[in-house]
């Protein structure tokens, strides 16, 4: 693994919400810490209501993790574009995040430990 990336099991129960809807809840979240950046919580895809997510054309590349594919969250009250991402085929050093989703948090998306 790249020396500046650490992945560990995130203790407790985690939830992600948008537009008043609970998109997912899990006790199997992973926390990815990368250098000086704030840690990011990755939710198992199986614990996310994928019906709220629409895949977009956006793809970015990280030299330490691989190609990230993006999703927008669509619910009754809003569309939050490109706020979720996943590494479908991550580099071997971060293989644990395969089949997981992470979310940009802000006004429209909340990730919380409950």
PDB file of N, CA and C in Angstrom:
ATOM      1  N   UNK A   1       0.862  -1.177   0.000  1.00  0.00           N
ATOM      2  CA  UNK A   1       0.000   0.000   0.000  1.00  0.00           C
ATOM      3  C   UNK A   1       0.898   1.227   0.000  1.00  0.00           C
ATOM      4  N   UNK A   2       0.434   2.257  -0.664  1.00  0.00           N
ATOM      5  CA  UNK A   2       1.175   3.507  -0.607  1.00  0.00           C
ATOM      6  C   UNK A   2       1.324   3.877   0.859  1.00  0.00           C
ATOM      7  N   UNK A   3       2.513   4.296   1.239  1.00  0.00           N
ATOM      8  CA  UNK A   3       2.779   4.520   2.653  1.00  0.00           C
ATOM      9  C   UNK A   3       1.900   5.592   3.271  1.00  0.00           C
ATOM     10  N   UNK A   4       1.377   6.495   2.467  1.00  0.00           N
ATOM     11  CA  UNK A   4       0.557   7.579   3.025  1.00  0.00           C
ATOM     12  C   UNK A   4      -0.933   7.234   3.063  1.00  0.00           C
ATOM     13  N   UNK A   5      -1.302   6.005   2.677  1.00  0.00           N
ATOM     14  CA  UNK A   5      -2.703   5.563   2.716  1.00  0.00           C
ATOM     15  C   UNK A   5      -2.853   4.468   3.763  1.00  0.00           C
ATOM     16  N   UNK A   6      -3.877   4.631   4.598  1.00  0.00           N
ATOM     17  CA  UNK A   6      -4.180   3.616   5.618  1.00  0.00           C
ATOM     18  C   UNK A   6      -5.667   3.298   5.538  1.00  0.00           C
ATOM     19  N   UNK A   7      -6.000   2.019   5.527  1.00  0.00           N
ATOM     20  CA  UNK A   7      -7.392   1.581   5.513  1.00  0.00           C
ATOM     21  C   UNK A   7      -7.616   0.738   6.764  1.00  0.00           C
ATOM     22  N   UNK A   8      -8.684   1.081   7.472  1.00  0.00           N
ATOM     23  CA  UNK A   8      -9.030   0.296   8.657  1.00  0.00           C
ATOM     24  C   UNK A   8     -10.549   0.205   8.745  1.00  0.00           C
ATOM     25  N   UNK A   9     -11.000  -0.736   9.499  1.00  0.00           N
ATOM     26  CA  UNK A   9     -12.443  -0.861   9.743  1.00  0.00           C
ATOM     27  C   UNK A   9     -12.883   0.341  10.578  1.00  0.00           C
ATOM     28  N   UNK A  10     -13.961   0.995  10.159  1.00  0.00           N
ATOM     29  CA  UNK A  10     -14.491   2.134  10.910  1.00  0.00           C
ATOM     30  C   UNK A  10     -15.414   1.593  11.997  1.00  0.00           C
ATOM     31  N   UNK A  11     -15.090   1.821  13.248  1.00  0.00           N
ATOM     32  CA  UNK A  11     -15.908   1.248  14.316  1.00  0.00           C
ATOM     33  C   UNK A  11     -17.289   1.885  14.391  1.00  0.00           C
ATOM     34  N   UNK A  12     -18.250   1.107  14.822  1.00  0.00           N
ATOM     35  CA  UNK A  12     -19.600   1.627  15.036  1.00  0.00           C
ATOM     36  C   UNK A  12     -20.502   1.498  13.826  1.00  0.00           C
ATOM     37  N   UNK A  13     -21.634   2.176  13.926  1.00  0.00           N
ATOM     38  CA  UNK A  13     -22.666   2.162  12.889  1.00  0.00           C
ATOM     39  C   UNK A  13     -22.615   3.485  12.139  1.00  0.00           C
ATOM     40  N   UNK A  14     -22.592   3.426  10.810  1.00  0.00           N
ATOM     41  CA  UNK A  14     -22.477   4.605   9.954  1.00  0.00           C
ATOM     42  C   UNK A  14     -23.692   4.719   9.053  1.00  0.00           C
ATOM     43  N   UNK A  15     -24.075   5.958   8.767  1.00  0.00           N
ATOM     44  CA  UNK A  15     -25.206   6.203   7.876  1.00  0.00           C
ATOM     45  C   UNK A  15     -24.844   7.296   6.874  1.00  0.00           C
ATOM     46  N   UNK A  16     -25.471   7.234   5.701  1.00  0.00           N
ATOM     47  CA  UNK A  16     -25.355   8.293   4.702  1.00  0.00           C
ATOM     48  C   UNK A  16     -26.772   8.701   4.335  1.00  0.00           C
ATOM     49  N   UNK A  17     -27.026  10.025   4.309  1.00  0.00           N
ATOM     50  CA  UNK A  17     -28.357  10.575   4.029  1.00  0.00           C
ATOM     51  C   UNK A  17     -28.262  11.674   2.994  1.00  0.00           C
ATOM     52  N   UNK A  18     -29.342  11.828   2.239  1.00  0.00           N
ATOM     53  CA  UNK A  18     -29.436  12.926   1.273  1.00  0.00           C
ATOM     54  C   UNK A  18     -30.900  13.256   1.065  1.00  0.00           C
ATOM     55  N   UNK A  19     -31.211  14.547   1.087  1.00  0.00           N
ATOM     56  CA  UNK A  19     -32.583  14.986   0.858  1.00  0.00           C
ATOM     57  C   UNK A  19     -33.584  14.371   1.802  1.00  0.00           C
ATOM     58  N   UNK A  20     -33.170  14.089   3.027  1.00  0.00           N
ATOM     59  CA  UNK A  20     -34.068  13.494   4.005  1.00  0.00           C
ATOM     60  C   UNK A  20     -34.169  11.979   3.922  1.00  0.00           C
ATOM     61  N   UNK A  21     -33.567  11.382   2.909  1.00  0.00           N
ATOM     62  CA  UNK A  21     -33.630   9.928   2.732  1.00  0.00           C
ATOM     63  C   UNK A  21     -32.354   9.273   3.256  1.00  0.00           C
ATOM     64  N   UNK A  22     -32.512   8.135   3.901  1.00  0.00           N
ATOM     65  CA  UNK A  22     -31.360   7.336   4.310  1.00  0.00           C
ATOM     66  C   UNK A  22     -30.962   6.486   3.108  1.00  0.00           C
ATOM     67  N   UNK A  23     -29.750   6.702   2.608  1.00  0.00           N
ATOM     68  CA  UNK A  23     -29.251   5.951   1.457  1.00  0.00           C
ATOM     69  C   UNK A  23     -28.576   4.658   1.878  1.00  0.00           C
ATOM     70  N   UNK A  24     -28.069   4.644   3.092  1.00  0.00           N
ATOM     71  CA  UNK A  24     -27.389   3.444   3.553  1.00  0.00           C
ATOM     72  C   UNK A  24     -27.028   3.530   5.013  1.00  0.00           C
ATOM     73  N   UNK A  25     -26.858   2.353   5.589  1.00  0.00           N
ATOM     74  CA  UNK A  25     -26.469   2.224   6.987  1.00  0.00           C
ATOM     75  C   UNK A  25     -25.649   0.946   7.085  1.00  0.00           C
ATOM     76  N   UNK A  26     -24.523   1.032   7.778  1.00  0.00           N
ATOM     77  CA  UNK A  26     -23.671  -0.140   7.858  1.00  0.00           C
ATOM     78  C   UNK A  26     -22.832  -0.154   9.135  1.00  0.00           C
ATOM     79  N   UNK A  27     -22.503  -1.343   9.564  1.00  0.00           N
ATOM     80  CA  UNK A  27     -21.521  -1.521  10.629  1.00  0.00           C
ATOM     81  C   UNK A  27     -20.249  -2.123  10.032  1.00  0.00           C
ATOM     82  N   UNK A  28     -20.169  -2.118   8.703  1.00  0.00           N
ATOM     83  CA  UNK A  28     -19.012  -2.677   7.996  1.00  0.00           C
ATOM     84  C   UNK A  28     -18.275  -1.628   7.172  1.00  0.00           C
ATOM     85  N   UNK A  29     -18.307  -0.387   7.612  1.00  0.00           N
ATOM     86  CA  UNK A  29     -17.640   0.690   6.876  1.00  0.00           C
ATOM     87  C   UNK A  29     -16.126   0.592   7.022  1.00  0.00           C
ATOM     88  N   UNK A  30     -15.450   1.141   6.029  1.00  0.00           N
ATOM     89  CA  UNK A  30     -13.999   1.272   6.079  1.00  0.00           C
ATOM     90  C   UNK A  30     -13.645   2.751   6.148  1.00  0.00           C
ATOM     91  N   UNK A  31     -12.565   3.058   6.851  1.00  0.00           N
ATOM     92  CA  UNK A  31     -12.063   4.432   6.898  1.00  0.00           C
ATOM     93  C   UNK A  31     -10.727   4.463   6.165  1.00  0.00           C
ATOM     94  N   UNK A  32     -10.650   5.314   5.145  1.00  0.00           N
ATOM     95  CA  UNK A  32      -9.420   5.470   4.391  1.00  0.00           C
ATOM     96  C   UNK A  32      -8.803   6.817   4.757  1.00  0.00           C
ATOM     97  N   UNK A  33      -7.581   6.776   5.259  1.00  0.00           N
ATOM     98  CA  UNK A  33      -6.828   7.982   5.577  1.00  0.00           C
ATOM     99  C   UNK A  33      -5.715   8.102   4.548  1.00  0.00           C
ATOM    100  N   UNK A  34      -5.587   9.302   3.980  1.00  0.00           N
ATOM    101  CA  UNK A  34      -4.590   9.526   2.939  1.00  0.00           C
ATOM    102  C   UNK A  34      -3.837  10.817   3.238  1.00  0.00           C
ATOM    103  N   UNK A  35      -2.604  10.660   3.693  1.00  0.00           N
ATOM    104  CA  UNK A  35      -1.778  11.824   3.997  1.00  0.00           C
ATOM    105  C   UNK A  35      -2.451  12.755   4.992  1.00  0.00           C
ATOM    106  N   UNK A  36      -2.460  14.051   4.654  1.00  0.00           N
ATOM    107  CA  UNK A  36      -3.043  15.067   5.526  1.00  0.00           C
ATOM    108  C   UNK A  36      -4.527  15.311   5.252  1.00  0.00           C
ATOM    109  N   UNK A  37      -5.115  14.563   4.320  1.00  0.00           N
ATOM    110  CA  UNK A  37      -6.529  14.746   3.995  1.00  0.00           C
ATOM    111  C   UNK A  37      -7.409  14.174   5.106  1.00  0.00           C
ATOM    112  N   UNK A  38      -8.616  14.708   5.212  1.00  0.00           N
ATOM    113  CA  UNK A  38      -9.570  14.178   6.186  1.00  0.00           C
ATOM    114  C   UNK A  38      -9.902  12.728   5.829  1.00  0.00           C
ATOM    115  N   UNK A  39     -10.074  11.858   6.827  1.00  0.00           N
ATOM    116  CA  UNK A  39     -10.440  10.464   6.536  1.00  0.00           C
ATOM    117  C   UNK A  39     -11.769  10.396   5.781  1.00  0.00           C
ATOM    118  N   UNK A  40     -11.898   9.379   4.927  1.00  0.00           N
ATOM    119  CA  UNK A  40     -13.105   9.167   4.126  1.00  0.00           C
ATOM    120  C   UNK A  40     -13.699   7.819   4.514  1.00  0.00           C
ATOM    121  N   UNK A  41     -15.015   7.807   4.719  1.00  0.00           N
ATOM    122  CA  UNK A  41     -15.727   6.572   5.052  1.00  0.00           C
ATOM    123  C   UNK A  41     -16.215   5.926   3.755  1.00  0.00           C
ATOM    124  N   UNK A  42     -15.915   4.655   3.599  1.00  0.00           N
ATOM    125  CA  UNK A  42     -16.355   3.866   2.437  1.00  0.00           C
ATOM    126  C   UNK A  42     -17.411   2.868   2.917  1.00  0.00           C
ATOM    127  N   UNK A  43     -18.568   2.903   2.273  1.00  0.00           N
ATOM    128  CA  UNK A  43     -19.690   2.020   2.600  1.00  0.00           C
ATOM    129  C   UNK A  43     -19.700   0.821   1.655  1.00  0.00           C
ATOM    130  N   UNK A  44     -19.927  -0.381   2.167  1.00  0.00           N
ATOM    131  CA  UNK A  44     -20.112  -1.519   1.269  1.00  0.00           C
ATOM    132  C   UNK A  44     -21.293  -1.232   0.332  1.00  0.00           C
ATOM    133  N   UNK A  45     -21.108  -1.490  -0.937  1.00  0.00           N
ATOM    134  CA  UNK A  45     -22.164  -1.237  -1.925  1.00  0.00           C
ATOM    135  C   UNK A  45     -23.441  -1.981  -1.557  1.00  0.00           C
ATOM    136  N   UNK A  46     -23.309  -3.155  -0.973  1.00  0.00           N
ATOM    137  CA  UNK A  46     -24.483  -3.954  -0.595  1.00  0.00           C
ATOM    138  C   UNK A  46     -25.336  -3.261   0.465  1.00  0.00           C
ATOM    139  N   UNK A  47     -24.763  -2.288   1.193  1.00  0.00           N
ATOM    140  CA  UNK A  47     -25.496  -1.587   2.243  1.00  0.00           C
ATOM    141  C   UNK A  47     -26.037  -0.228   1.793  1.00  0.00           C
ATOM    142  N   UNK A  48     -25.949   0.059   0.507  1.00  0.00           N
ATOM    143  CA  UNK A  48     -26.429   1.320  -0.060  1.00  0.00           C
ATOM    144  C   UNK A  48     -27.649   1.057  -0.934  1.00  0.00           C
ATOM    145  N   UNK A  49     -28.664   1.904  -0.821  1.00  0.00           N
ATOM    146  CA  UNK A  49     -29.857   1.807  -1.685  1.00  0.00           C
ATOM    147  C   UNK A  49     -29.484   2.375  -3.056  1.00  0.00           C
ATOM    148  N   UNK A  50     -28.980   1.515  -3.921  1.00  0.00           N
ATOM    149  CA  UNK A  50     -28.454   1.943  -5.216  1.00  0.00           C
ATOM    150  C   UNK A  50     -29.534   2.556  -6.112  1.00  0.00           C
ATOM    151  N   UNK A  51     -30.814   2.346  -5.803  1.00  0.00           N
ATOM    152  CA  UNK A  51     -31.896   2.946  -6.600  1.00  0.00           C
ATOM    153  C   UNK A  51     -31.847   4.471  -6.552  1.00  0.00           C
ATOM    154  N   UNK A  52     -31.204   5.045  -5.529  1.00  0.00           N
ATOM    155  CA  UNK A  52     -31.074   6.499  -5.414  1.00  0.00           C
ATOM    156  C   UNK A  52     -29.887   7.044  -6.214  1.00  0.00           C
ATOM    157  N   UNK A  53     -29.026   6.168  -6.717  1.00  0.00           N
ATOM    158  CA  UNK A  53     -27.805   6.600  -7.387  1.00  0.00           C
ATOM    159  C   UNK A  53     -27.872   6.346  -8.881  1.00  0.00           C
ATOM    160  N   UNK A  54     -27.463   7.353  -9.651  1.00  0.00           N
ATOM    161  CA  UNK A  54     -27.356   7.229 -11.106  1.00  0.00           C
ATOM    162  C   UNK A  54     -25.893   7.404 -11.488  1.00  0.00           C
ATOM    163  N   UNK A  55     -25.366   6.433 -12.213  1.00  0.00           N
ATOM    164  CA  UNK A  55     -23.965   6.522 -12.645  1.00  0.00           C
ATOM    165  C   UNK A  55     -23.814   7.649 -13.667  1.00  0.00           C
ATOM    166  N   UNK A  56     -22.712   8.376 -13.554  1.00  0.00           N
ATOM    167  CA  UNK A  56     -22.445   9.460 -14.492  1.00  0.00           C
ATOM    168  C   UNK A  56     -21.253   9.076 -15.370  1.00  0.00           C
ATOM    169  N   UNK A  57     -20.902   9.967 -16.264  1.00  0.00           N
ATOM    170  CA  UNK A  57     -19.767   9.733 -17.161  1.00  0.00           C
ATOM    171  C   UNK A  57     -18.429  10.094 -16.514  1.00  0.00           C
ATOM    172  N   UNK A  58     -18.469  10.742 -15.370  1.00  0.00           N
ATOM    173  CA  UNK A  58     -17.241  11.226 -14.747  1.00  0.00           C
ATOM    174  C   UNK A  58     -16.354  10.084 -14.262  1.00  0.00           C
ATOM    175  N   UNK A  59     -15.077  10.171 -14.595  1.00  0.00           N
ATOM    176  CA  UNK A  59     -14.057   9.230 -14.125  1.00  0.00           C
ATOM    177  C   UNK A  59     -12.816  10.057 -13.809  1.00  0.00           C
ATOM    178  N   UNK A  60     -12.221   9.812 -12.663  1.00  0.00           N
ATOM    179  CA  UNK A  60     -10.956  10.449 -12.322  1.00  0.00           C
ATOM    180  C   UNK A  60      -9.938   9.362 -12.015  1.00  0.00           C
ATOM    181  N   UNK A  61      -8.677   9.738 -12.069  1.00  0.00           N
ATOM    182  CA  UNK A  61      -7.611   8.759 -11.811  1.00  0.00           C
ATOM    183  C   UNK A  61      -6.758   9.206 -10.633  1.00  0.00           C
ATOM    184  N   UNK A  62      -6.529   8.290  -9.718  1.00  0.00           N
ATOM    185  CA  UNK A  62      -5.606   8.495  -8.603  1.00  0.00           C
ATOM    186  C   UNK A  62      -4.439   7.521  -8.797  1.00  0.00           C
ATOM    187  N   UNK A  63      -3.211   8.009  -8.790  1.00  0.00           N
ATOM    188  CA  UNK A  63      -2.080   7.097  -9.000  1.00  0.00           C
ATOM    189  C   UNK A  63      -1.908   6.068  -7.881  1.00  0.00           C
ATOM    190  N   UNK A  64      -2.567   6.286  -6.740  1.00  0.00           N
ATOM    191  CA  UNK A  64      -2.424   5.368  -5.607  1.00  0.00           C
ATOM    192  C   UNK A  64      -3.609   4.421  -5.447  1.00  0.00           C
ATOM    193  N   UNK A  65      -4.762   4.774  -6.051  1.00  0.00           N
ATOM    194  CA  UNK A  65      -5.960   3.951  -5.885  1.00  0.00           C
ATOM    195  C   UNK A  65      -6.521   3.423  -7.209  1.00  0.00           C
ATOM    196  N   UNK A  66      -6.327   4.130  -8.300  1.00  0.00           N
ATOM    197  CA  UNK A  66      -6.850   3.701  -9.596  1.00  0.00           C
ATOM    198  C   UNK A  66      -7.902   4.664 -10.111  1.00  0.00           C
ATOM    199  N   UNK A  67      -8.813   4.161 -10.951  1.00  0.00           N
ATOM    200  CA  UNK A  67      -9.855   4.985 -11.560  1.00  0.00           C
ATOM    201  C   UNK A  67     -11.110   4.994 -10.694  1.00  0.00           C
ATOM    202  N   UNK A  68     -11.586   6.199 -10.397  1.00  0.00           N
ATOM    203  CA  UNK A  68     -12.823   6.368  -9.626  1.00  0.00           C
ATOM    204  C   UNK A  68     -13.960   6.669 -10.582  1.00  0.00           C
ATOM    205  N   UNK A  69     -15.063   5.961 -10.425  1.00  0.00           N
ATOM    206  CA  UNK A  69     -16.289   6.174 -11.212  1.00  0.00           C
ATOM    207  C   UNK A  69     -17.313   6.826 -10.297  1.00  0.00           C
ATOM    208  N   UNK A  70     -18.101   7.748 -10.857  1.00  0.00           N
ATOM    209  CA  UNK A  70     -18.959   8.605 -10.040  1.00  0.00           C
ATOM    210  C   UNK A  70     -20.449   8.333 -10.226  1.00  0.00           C
ATOM    211  N   UNK A  71     -21.201   8.727  -9.195  1.00  0.00           N
ATOM    212  CA  UNK A  71     -22.653   8.616  -9.181  1.00  0.00           C
ATOM    213  C   UNK A  71     -23.248   9.925  -8.683  1.00  0.00           C
ATOM    214  N   UNK A  72     -24.420  10.246  -9.193  1.00  0.00           N
ATOM    215  CA  UNK A  72     -25.222  11.336  -8.657  1.00  0.00           C
ATOM    216  C   UNK A  72     -26.313  10.722  -7.800  1.00  0.00           C
ATOM    217  N   UNK A  73     -26.733  11.461  -6.781  1.00  0.00           N
ATOM    218  CA  UNK A  73     -27.835  11.026  -5.929  1.00  0.00           C
ATOM    219  C   UNK A  73     -29.091  11.738  -6.418  1.00  0.00           C
ATOM    220  N   UNK A  74     -30.120  10.955  -6.726  1.00  0.00           N
ATOM    221  CA  UNK A  74     -31.383  11.502  -7.211  1.00  0.00           C
ATOM    222  C   UNK A  74     -32.475  11.100  -6.223  1.00  0.00           C
ATOM    223  N   UNK A  75     -33.143  12.112  -5.654  1.00  0.00           N
ATOM    224  CA  UNK A  75     -34.275  11.829  -4.780  1.00  0.00           C
ATOM    225  C   UNK A  75     -35.394  12.815  -5.085  1.00  0.00           C
ATOM    226  N   UNK A  76     -36.472  12.750  -4.367  1.00  0.00           N
ATOM    227  CA  UNK A  76     -37.652  13.575  -4.670  1.00  0.00           C
ATOM    228  C   UNK A  76     -37.374  15.063  -4.621  1.00  0.00           C
ATOM    229  N   UNK A  77     -36.473  15.486  -3.739  1.00  0.00           N
ATOM    230  CA  UNK A  77     -36.280  16.920  -3.545  1.00  0.00           C
ATOM    231  C   UNK A  77     -35.070  17.509  -4.263  1.00  0.00           C
ATOM    232  N   UNK A  78     -34.145  16.670  -4.747  1.00  0.00           N
ATOM    233  CA  UNK A  78     -32.936  17.236  -5.348  1.00  0.00           C
ATOM    234  C   UNK A  78     -32.131  16.211  -6.125  1.00  0.00           C
ATOM    235  N   UNK A  79     -31.168  16.738  -6.875  1.00  0.00           N
ATOM    236  CA  UNK A  79     -30.151  15.913  -7.523  1.00  0.00           C
ATOM    237  C   UNK A  79     -28.803  16.457  -7.068  1.00  0.00           C
ATOM    238  N   UNK A  80     -27.989  15.611  -6.507  1.00  0.00           N
ATOM    239  CA  UNK A  80     -26.637  15.982  -6.093  1.00  0.00           C
ATOM    240  C   UNK A  80     -25.678  15.279  -7.055  1.00  0.00           C
ATOM    241  N   UNK A  81     -25.085  16.059  -7.942  1.00  0.00           N
ATOM    242  CA  UNK A  81     -24.296  15.480  -9.033  1.00  0.00           C
ATOM    243  C   UNK A  81     -22.893  15.081  -8.600  1.00  0.00           C
ATOM    244  N   UNK A  82     -22.486  13.904  -9.044  1.00  0.00           N
ATOM    245  CA  UNK A  82     -21.125  13.390  -8.854  1.00  0.00           C
ATOM    246  C   UNK A  82     -20.659  13.449  -7.399  1.00  0.00           C
ATOM    247  N   UNK A  83     -21.526  13.065  -6.474  1.00  0.00           N
ATOM    248  CA  UNK A  83     -21.170  13.141  -5.048  1.00  0.00           C
ATOM    249  C   UNK A  83     -20.780  11.793  -4.444  1.00  0.00           C
ATOM    250  N   UNK A  84     -20.898  10.731  -5.206  1.00  0.00           N
ATOM    251  CA  UNK A  84     -20.482   9.413  -4.726  1.00  0.00           C
ATOM    252  C   UNK A  84     -19.479   8.843  -5.717  1.00  0.00           C
ATOM    253  N   UNK A  85     -18.515   8.103  -5.199  1.00  0.00           N
ATOM    254  CA  UNK A  85     -17.543   7.488  -6.095  1.00  0.00           C
ATOM    255  C   UNK A  85     -17.166   6.108  -5.604  1.00  0.00           C
ATOM    256  N   UNK A  86     -16.646   5.329  -6.540  1.00  0.00           N
ATOM    257  CA  UNK A  86     -16.244   3.963  -6.246  1.00  0.00           C
ATOM    258  C   UNK A  86     -15.032   3.604  -7.095  1.00  0.00           C
ATOM    259  N   UNK A  87     -14.186   2.774  -6.558  1.00  0.00           N
ATOM    260  CA  UNK A  87     -13.060   2.215  -7.307  1.00  0.00           C
ATOM    261  C   UNK A  87     -13.447   0.776  -7.633  1.00  0.00           C
ATOM    262  N   UNK A  88     -13.928   0.564  -8.857  1.00  0.00           N
ATOM    263  CA  UNK A  88     -14.420  -0.761  -9.246  1.00  0.00           C
ATOM    264  C   UNK A  88     -13.296  -1.765  -9.413  1.00  0.00           C
ATOM    265  N   UNK A  89     -12.138  -1.280  -9.814  1.00  0.00           N
ATOM    266  CA  UNK A  89     -10.969  -2.137  -9.992  1.00  0.00           C
ATOM    267  C   UNK A  89      -9.762  -1.429  -9.375  1.00  0.00           C
ATOM    268  N   UNK A  90      -9.763  -1.298  -8.032  1.00  0.00           N
ATOM    269  CA  UNK A  90      -8.689  -0.537  -7.387  1.00  0.00           C
ATOM    270  C   UNK A  90      -7.334  -1.223  -7.538  1.00  0.00           C
ATOM    271  N   UNK A  91      -6.302  -0.433  -7.373  1.00  0.00           N
ATOM    272  CA  UNK A  91      -4.963  -1.008  -7.380  1.00  0.00           C
ATOM    273  C   UNK A  91      -4.840  -2.000  -6.224  1.00  0.00           C
ATOM    274  N   UNK A  92      -3.955  -2.961  -6.389  1.00  0.00           N
ATOM    275  CA  UNK A  92      -3.822  -4.047  -5.411  1.00  0.00           C
ATOM    276  C   UNK A  92      -3.562  -3.535  -3.996  1.00  0.00           C
ATOM    277  N   UNK A  93      -2.838  -2.436  -3.868  1.00  0.00           N
ATOM    278  CA  UNK A  93      -2.487  -1.903  -2.551  1.00  0.00           C
ATOM    279  C   UNK A  93      -3.709  -1.446  -1.751  1.00  0.00           C
ATOM    280  N   UNK A  94      -4.810  -1.130  -2.440  1.00  0.00           N
ATOM    281  CA  UNK A  94      -6.035  -0.665  -1.757  1.00  0.00           C
ATOM    282  C   UNK A  94      -7.233  -1.535  -2.144  1.00  0.00           C
ATOM    283  N   UNK A  95      -6.975  -2.793  -2.414  1.00  0.00           N
ATOM    284  CA  UNK A  95      -8.022  -3.714  -2.889  1.00  0.00           C
ATOM    285  C   UNK A  95      -9.215  -3.796  -1.944  1.00  0.00           C
ATOM    286  N   UNK A  96      -9.026  -3.475  -0.671  1.00  0.00           N
ATOM    287  CA  UNK A  96     -10.124  -3.536   0.315  1.00  0.00           C
ATOM    288  C   UNK A  96     -11.298  -2.630  -0.041  1.00  0.00           C
ATOM    289  N   UNK A  97     -11.067  -1.555  -0.783  1.00  0.00           N
ATOM    290  CA  UNK A  97     -12.158  -0.614  -1.078  1.00  0.00           C
ATOM    291  C   UNK A  97     -12.991  -1.027  -2.294  1.00  0.00           C
ATOM    292  N   UNK A  98     -12.633  -2.130  -2.928  1.00  0.00           N
ATOM    293  CA  UNK A  98     -13.455  -2.635  -4.035  1.00  0.00           C
ATOM    294  C   UNK A  98     -14.857  -2.927  -3.500  1.00  0.00           C
ATOM    295  N   UNK A  99     -15.867  -2.641  -4.315  1.00  0.00           N
ATOM    296  CA  UNK A  99     -17.273  -2.857  -3.950  1.00  0.00           C
ATOM    297  C   UNK A  99     -17.717  -1.967  -2.789  1.00  0.00           C
ATOM    298  N   UNK A 100     -17.069  -0.808  -2.639  1.00  0.00           N
ATOM    299  CA  UNK A 100     -17.440   0.189  -1.637  1.00  0.00           C
ATOM    300  C   UNK A 100     -17.695   1.525  -2.328  1.00  0.00           C
ATOM    301  N   UNK A 101     -18.487   2.364  -1.692  1.00  0.00           N
ATOM    302  CA  UNK A 101     -18.782   3.717  -2.173  1.00  0.00           C
ATOM    303  C   UNK A 101     -18.411   4.728  -1.103  1.00  0.00           C
ATOM    304  N   UNK A 102     -17.910   5.881  -1.556  1.00  0.00           N
ATOM    305  CA  UNK A 102     -17.632   7.000  -0.663  1.00  0.00           C
ATOM    306  C   UNK A 102     -18.438   8.198  -1.159  1.00  0.00           C
ATOM    307  N   UNK A 103     -18.634   9.177  -0.285  1.00  0.00           N
ATOM    308  CA  UNK A 103     -19.505  10.315  -0.595  1.00  0.00           C
ATOM    309  C   UNK A 103     -18.839  11.627  -0.217  1.00  0.00           C
ATOM    310  N   UNK A 104     -18.981  12.626  -1.107  1.00  0.00           N
ATOM    311  CA  UNK A 104     -18.617  13.993  -0.739  1.00  0.00           C
ATOM    312  C   UNK A 104     -19.714  14.494   0.184  1.00  0.00           C
ATOM    313  N   UNK A 105     -19.332  14.985   1.329  1.00  0.00           N
ATOM    314  CA  UNK A 105     -20.329  15.478   2.269  1.00  0.00           C
ATOM    315  C   UNK A 105     -20.487  16.986   2.115  1.00  0.00           C
ATOM    316  N   UNK A 106     -21.648  17.461   2.493  1.00  0.00           N
ATOM    317  CA  UNK A 106     -21.938  18.884   2.402  1.00  0.00           C
ATOM    318  C   UNK A 106     -23.401  19.122   2.681  1.00  0.00           C
ATOM    319  N   UNK A 107     -23.926  20.179   2.095  1.00  0.00           N
ATOM    320  CA  UNK A 107     -25.321  20.554   2.336  1.00  0.00           C
ATOM    321  C   UNK A 107     -26.299  19.439   1.951  1.00  0.00           C
ATOM    322  N   UNK A 108     -26.028  18.739   0.848  1.00  0.00           N
ATOM    323  CA  UNK A 108     -26.964  17.732   0.347  1.00  0.00           C
ATOM    324  C   UNK A 108     -26.675  16.307   0.809  1.00  0.00           C
ATOM    325  N   UNK A 109     -25.503  16.067   1.360  1.00  0.00           N
ATOM    326  CA  UNK A 109     -25.116  14.696   1.744  1.00  0.00           C
ATOM    327  C   UNK A 109     -24.469  14.725   3.121  1.00  0.00           C
ATOM    328  N   UNK A 110     -24.942  13.848   3.998  1.00  0.00           N
ATOM    329  CA  UNK A 110     -24.408  13.743   5.353  1.00  0.00           C
ATOM    330  C   UNK A 110     -23.957  12.298   5.601  1.00  0.00           C
ATOM    331  N   UNK A 111     -22.730  12.154   6.063  1.00  0.00           N
ATOM    332  CA  UNK A 111     -22.203  10.861   6.496  1.00  0.00           C
ATOM    333  C   UNK A 111     -21.937  10.997   7.985  1.00  0.00           C
ATOM    334  N   UNK A 112     -22.555  10.110   8.775  1.00  0.00           N
ATOM    335  CA  UNK A 112     -22.465  10.240  10.233  1.00  0.00           C
ATOM    336  C   UNK A 112     -22.301   8.883  10.901  1.00  0.00           C
ATOM    337  N   UNK A 113     -21.581   8.895  12.003  1.00  0.00           N
ATOM    338  CA  UNK A 113     -21.543   7.730  12.871  1.00  0.00           C
ATOM    339  C   UNK A 113     -22.694   7.887  13.856  1.00  0.00           C
ATOM    340  N   UNK A 114     -23.515   6.838  13.974  1.00  0.00           N
ATOM    341  CA  UNK A 114     -24.681   6.922  14.857  1.00  0.00           C
ATOM    342  C   UNK A 114     -24.589   5.920  15.991  1.00  0.00           C
TER     343      UNK A 114
END
